[in-house]
Amino acid sequence: MVLNLGKSENENFDVGVFSGAYPAFPPGSFFLFLKLILKSQRAQEVDALRNEIEEYRLRCASEAQKIKDDVEAKVRNLDIMEREAIDALKV
């Protein structure tokens, strides 16, 4: 795999298959390697935040559904009570 760092074609680095060892960069490219590490860490942080947001969204959706179900149950109970009251007044 060739890593394009946005430089000229001569400055692209072949990182090969990552097998647990550090990719071989030319001398003086420590900061480029550090930049790649930081981007990877930032991507992991973004993924963790996405997962946290998704979990929060699911909890909120679940709570909203529970509230909706409770309101619908109360509406049904009020409808029943209203019909019973009307029937009681007719007698």
N, C-alpha and C. Protein backbone atom coordinates (compact mmCIF):
# COMPACT_ATOMS: atom_id res chain seq x y z
N MET A 1 0.85 -1.17 0.00
CA MET A 1 0.00 0.00 0.00
C MET A 1 0.89 1.23 0.00
N VAL A 2 0.60 2.18 -0.87
CA VAL A 2 1.38 3.42 -0.94
C VAL A 2 0.63 4.48 -0.18
N LEU A 3 1.33 5.16 0.69
CA LEU A 3 0.74 6.21 1.52
C LEU A 3 0.99 7.55 0.87
N ASN A 4 -0.07 8.24 0.45
CA ASN A 4 0.06 9.55 -0.17
C ASN A 4 -0.14 10.60 0.91
N LEU A 5 0.88 11.35 1.21
CA LEU A 5 0.81 12.36 2.26
C LEU A 5 0.58 13.75 1.68
N GLY A 6 0.11 13.83 0.45
CA GLY A 6 -0.18 15.11 -0.16
C GLY A 6 1.06 15.81 -0.68
N LYS A 7 2.17 15.13 -0.76
CA LYS A 7 3.41 15.71 -1.25
C LYS A 7 3.60 15.27 -2.70
N SER A 8 4.77 15.53 -3.23
CA SER A 8 5.04 15.10 -4.60
C SER A 8 5.11 13.58 -4.65
N GLU A 9 5.05 13.06 -5.85
CA GLU A 9 5.03 11.60 -6.02
C GLU A 9 6.28 10.95 -5.43
N ASN A 10 7.41 11.64 -5.44
CA ASN A 10 8.65 11.09 -4.91
C ASN A 10 8.60 10.95 -3.39
N GLU A 11 7.70 11.65 -2.73
CA GLU A 11 7.66 11.63 -1.28
C GLU A 11 6.58 10.70 -0.72
N ASN A 12 5.93 9.93 -1.58
CA ASN A 12 4.98 8.93 -1.10
C ASN A 12 5.76 7.75 -0.53
N PHE A 13 5.23 7.14 0.52
CA PHE A 13 5.94 6.06 1.19
C PHE A 13 5.16 4.76 1.05
N ASP A 14 5.89 3.68 0.80
CA ASP A 14 5.28 2.37 0.73
C ASP A 14 5.31 1.78 2.13
N VAL A 15 4.11 1.70 2.77
CA VAL A 15 4.06 1.20 4.14
C VAL A 15 3.84 -0.31 4.17
N GLY A 16 3.55 -0.90 3.04
CA GLY A 16 3.37 -2.35 2.99
C GLY A 16 2.19 -2.79 3.84
N VAL A 17 2.14 -4.05 4.19
CA VAL A 17 1.08 -4.59 5.03
C VAL A 17 1.50 -4.39 6.48
N PHE A 18 0.66 -3.77 7.26
CA PHE A 18 0.99 -3.50 8.65
C PHE A 18 0.90 -4.79 9.44
N SER A 19 2.03 -5.26 9.92
CA SER A 19 2.07 -6.55 10.61
C SER A 19 2.48 -6.39 12.07
N GLY A 20 2.19 -5.24 12.65
CA GLY A 20 2.54 -5.02 14.04
C GLY A 20 3.85 -4.27 14.20
N ALA A 21 4.65 -4.20 13.14
CA ALA A 21 5.89 -3.44 13.20
C ALA A 21 5.63 -2.06 12.62
N TYR A 22 6.46 -1.11 13.00
CA TYR A 22 6.28 0.25 12.47
C TYR A 22 6.63 0.26 11.00
N PRO A 23 5.87 1.03 10.20
CA PRO A 23 6.22 1.13 8.79
C PRO A 23 7.59 1.79 8.64
N ALA A 24 8.30 1.44 7.58
CA ALA A 24 9.63 1.99 7.35
C ALA A 24 9.51 3.33 6.65
N PHE A 25 9.81 4.40 7.36
CA PHE A 25 9.79 5.74 6.79
C PHE A 25 11.22 6.20 6.56
N PRO A 26 11.41 7.05 5.60
CA PRO A 26 12.76 7.59 5.38
C PRO A 26 13.20 8.40 6.59
N PRO A 27 14.50 8.60 6.77
CA PRO A 27 15.00 9.38 7.91
C PRO A 27 14.38 10.77 7.91
N GLY A 28 14.09 11.27 9.11
CA GLY A 28 13.53 12.62 9.24
C GLY A 28 12.03 12.67 9.09
N SER A 29 11.38 11.54 8.97
CA SER A 29 9.93 11.55 8.79
C SER A 29 9.20 11.13 10.07
N PHE A 30 9.86 11.25 11.20
CA PHE A 30 9.23 10.89 12.47
C PHE A 30 7.94 11.65 12.69
N PHE A 31 7.96 12.94 12.35
CA PHE A 31 6.77 13.76 12.58
C PHE A 31 5.62 13.35 11.67
N LEU A 32 5.94 12.87 10.48
CA LEU A 32 4.89 12.36 9.60
C LEU A 32 4.26 11.10 10.20
N PHE A 33 5.12 10.23 10.73
CA PHE A 33 4.62 9.02 11.38
C PHE A 33 3.78 9.37 12.60
N LEU A 34 4.24 10.35 13.37
CA LEU A 34 3.49 10.80 14.54
C LEU A 34 2.13 11.36 14.12
N LYS A 35 2.14 12.08 13.02
CA LYS A 35 0.88 12.63 12.49
C LYS A 35 -0.10 11.50 12.13
N LEU A 36 0.41 10.43 11.54
CA LEU A 36 -0.45 9.28 11.21
C LEU A 36 -1.01 8.64 12.47
N ILE A 37 -0.17 8.50 13.49
CA ILE A 37 -0.61 7.92 14.77
C ILE A 37 -1.72 8.79 15.36
N LEU A 38 -1.52 10.11 15.37
CA LEU A 38 -2.52 11.01 15.95
C LEU A 38 -3.82 10.97 15.17
N LYS A 39 -3.73 10.88 13.84
CA LYS A 39 -4.95 10.76 13.04
C LYS A 39 -5.68 9.47 13.38
N SER A 40 -4.94 8.40 13.57
CA SER A 40 -5.55 7.12 13.93
C SER A 40 -6.23 7.22 15.29
N GLN A 41 -5.55 7.83 16.25
CA GLN A 41 -6.14 8.00 17.58
C GLN A 41 -7.38 8.88 17.51
N ARG A 42 -7.32 9.93 16.73
CA ARG A 42 -8.47 10.83 16.59
C ARG A 42 -9.63 10.09 15.95
N ALA A 43 -9.35 9.23 14.98
CA ALA A 43 -10.40 8.44 14.34
C ALA A 43 -11.04 7.50 15.36
N GLN A 44 -10.21 6.91 16.22
CA GLN A 44 -10.76 6.04 17.26
C GLN A 44 -11.63 6.83 18.23
N GLU A 45 -11.21 8.04 18.57
CA GLU A 45 -12.02 8.89 19.46
C GLU A 45 -13.34 9.25 18.81
N VAL A 46 -13.30 9.56 17.52
CA VAL A 46 -14.53 9.89 16.79
C VAL A 46 -15.47 8.69 16.76
N ASP A 47 -14.92 7.51 16.52
CA ASP A 47 -15.74 6.29 16.52
C ASP A 47 -16.36 6.05 17.89
N ALA A 48 -15.58 6.27 18.96
CA ALA A 48 -16.11 6.09 20.31
C ALA A 48 -17.24 7.09 20.58
N LEU A 49 -17.06 8.34 20.13
CA LEU A 49 -18.12 9.33 20.30
C LEU A 49 -19.36 8.96 19.50
N ARG A 50 -19.16 8.47 18.29
CA ARG A 50 -20.31 8.03 17.48
C ARG A 50 -21.08 6.93 18.19
N ASN A 51 -20.34 5.97 18.76
CA ASN A 51 -21.00 4.88 19.48
C ASN A 51 -21.76 5.41 20.69
N GLU A 52 -21.15 6.34 21.41
CA GLU A 52 -21.81 6.92 22.58
C GLU A 52 -23.07 7.68 22.18
N ILE A 53 -22.99 8.43 21.09
CA ILE A 53 -24.16 9.17 20.60
C ILE A 53 -25.26 8.21 20.18
N GLU A 54 -24.89 7.12 19.50
CA GLU A 54 -25.89 6.13 19.06
C GLU A 54 -26.56 5.47 20.26
N GLU A 55 -25.78 5.13 21.29
CA GLU A 55 -26.37 4.54 22.50
C GLU A 55 -27.33 5.52 23.16
N TYR A 56 -26.95 6.79 23.23
CA TYR A 56 -27.81 7.82 23.83
C TYR A 56 -29.09 7.98 23.01
N ARG A 57 -28.95 7.98 21.68
CA ARG A 57 -30.12 8.10 20.81
C ARG A 57 -31.08 6.93 21.03
N LEU A 58 -30.53 5.73 21.16
CA LEU A 58 -31.38 4.56 21.38
C LEU A 58 -32.08 4.62 22.73
N ARG A 59 -31.36 5.09 23.77
CA ARG A 59 -31.99 5.24 25.09
C ARG A 59 -33.12 6.27 25.03
N CYS A 60 -32.87 7.38 24.35
CA CYS A 60 -33.91 8.42 24.23
C CYS A 60 -35.11 7.91 23.44
N ALA A 61 -34.86 7.18 22.37
CA ALA A 61 -35.95 6.63 21.56
C ALA A 61 -36.77 5.64 22.38
N SER A 62 -36.08 4.84 23.18
CA SER A 62 -36.78 3.87 24.03
C SER A 62 -37.63 4.59 25.07
N GLU A 63 -37.09 5.62 25.69
CA GLU A 63 -37.84 6.38 26.69
C GLU A 63 -39.02 7.09 26.05
N ALA A 64 -38.82 7.65 24.85
CA ALA A 64 -39.91 8.32 24.15
C ALA A 64 -41.03 7.33 23.82
N GLN A 65 -40.66 6.12 23.40
CA GLN A 65 -41.66 5.09 23.09
C GLN A 65 -42.44 4.71 24.35
N LYS A 66 -41.74 4.61 25.48
CA LYS A 66 -42.42 4.27 26.74
C LYS A 66 -43.41 5.37 27.13
N ILE A 67 -42.99 6.63 26.99
CA ILE A 67 -43.88 7.75 27.31
C ILE A 67 -45.09 7.74 26.39
N LYS A 68 -44.86 7.49 25.10
CA LYS A 68 -45.95 7.43 24.13
C LYS A 68 -46.94 6.32 24.50
N ASP A 69 -46.41 5.14 24.85
CA ASP A 69 -47.27 4.02 25.23
C ASP A 69 -48.08 4.35 26.49
N ASP A 70 -47.45 5.01 27.46
CA ASP A 70 -48.16 5.41 28.68
C ASP A 70 -49.29 6.38 28.38
N VAL A 71 -49.03 7.35 27.52
CA VAL A 71 -50.06 8.33 27.16
C VAL A 71 -51.21 7.65 26.43
N GLU A 72 -50.88 6.75 25.50
CA GLU A 72 -51.93 6.04 24.77
C GLU A 72 -52.78 5.19 25.71
N ALA A 73 -52.15 4.56 26.70
CA ALA A 73 -52.90 3.76 27.68
C ALA A 73 -53.83 4.65 28.50
N LYS A 74 -53.35 5.82 28.89
CA LYS A 74 -54.19 6.74 29.66
C LYS A 74 -55.35 7.26 28.82
N VAL A 75 -55.12 7.50 27.53
CA VAL A 75 -56.20 7.94 26.64
C VAL A 75 -57.25 6.84 26.52
N ARG A 76 -56.82 5.58 26.38
CA ARG A 76 -57.78 4.47 26.30
C ARG A 76 -58.59 4.38 27.59
N ASN A 77 -57.92 4.53 28.74
CA ASN A 77 -58.63 4.48 30.02
C ASN A 77 -59.64 5.62 30.13
N LEU A 78 -59.27 6.81 29.67
CA LEU A 78 -60.21 7.94 29.71
C LEU A 78 -61.40 7.69 28.79
N ASP A 79 -61.16 7.10 27.62
CA ASP A 79 -62.26 6.77 26.71
C ASP A 79 -63.23 5.78 27.36
N ILE A 80 -62.68 4.78 28.02
CA ILE A 80 -63.52 3.79 28.71
C ILE A 80 -64.33 4.46 29.82
N MET A 81 -63.66 5.29 30.61
CA MET A 81 -64.36 5.99 31.71
C MET A 81 -65.44 6.92 31.17
N GLU A 82 -65.17 7.57 30.05
CA GLU A 82 -66.16 8.46 29.45
C GLU A 82 -67.38 7.68 28.99
N ARG A 83 -67.16 6.53 28.32
CA ARG A 83 -68.28 5.70 27.89
C ARG A 83 -69.08 5.18 29.08
N GLU A 84 -68.39 4.77 30.14
CA GLU A 84 -69.08 4.29 31.33
C GLU A 84 -69.89 5.41 31.99
N ALA A 85 -69.33 6.64 32.00
CA ALA A 85 -70.06 7.77 32.57
C ALA A 85 -71.31 8.09 31.75
N ILE A 86 -71.18 8.05 30.44
CA ILE A 86 -72.34 8.32 29.57
C ILE A 86 -73.38 7.25 29.78
N ASP A 87 -72.98 5.97 29.86
CA ASP A 87 -73.93 4.88 30.09
C ASP A 87 -74.61 5.04 31.45
N ALA A 88 -73.86 5.47 32.46
CA ALA A 88 -74.42 5.65 33.80
C ALA A 88 -75.44 6.79 33.82
N LEU A 89 -75.20 7.85 33.07
CA LEU A 89 -76.14 8.98 33.00
C LEU A 89 -77.40 8.63 32.22
N LYS A 90 -77.34 7.69 31.29
CA LYS A 90 -78.50 7.29 30.51
C LYS A 90 -79.49 6.52 31.35
N VAL A 91 -79.03 5.85 32.37
CA VAL A 91 -79.89 5.00 33.19
C VAL A 91 -80.77 5.81 34.06
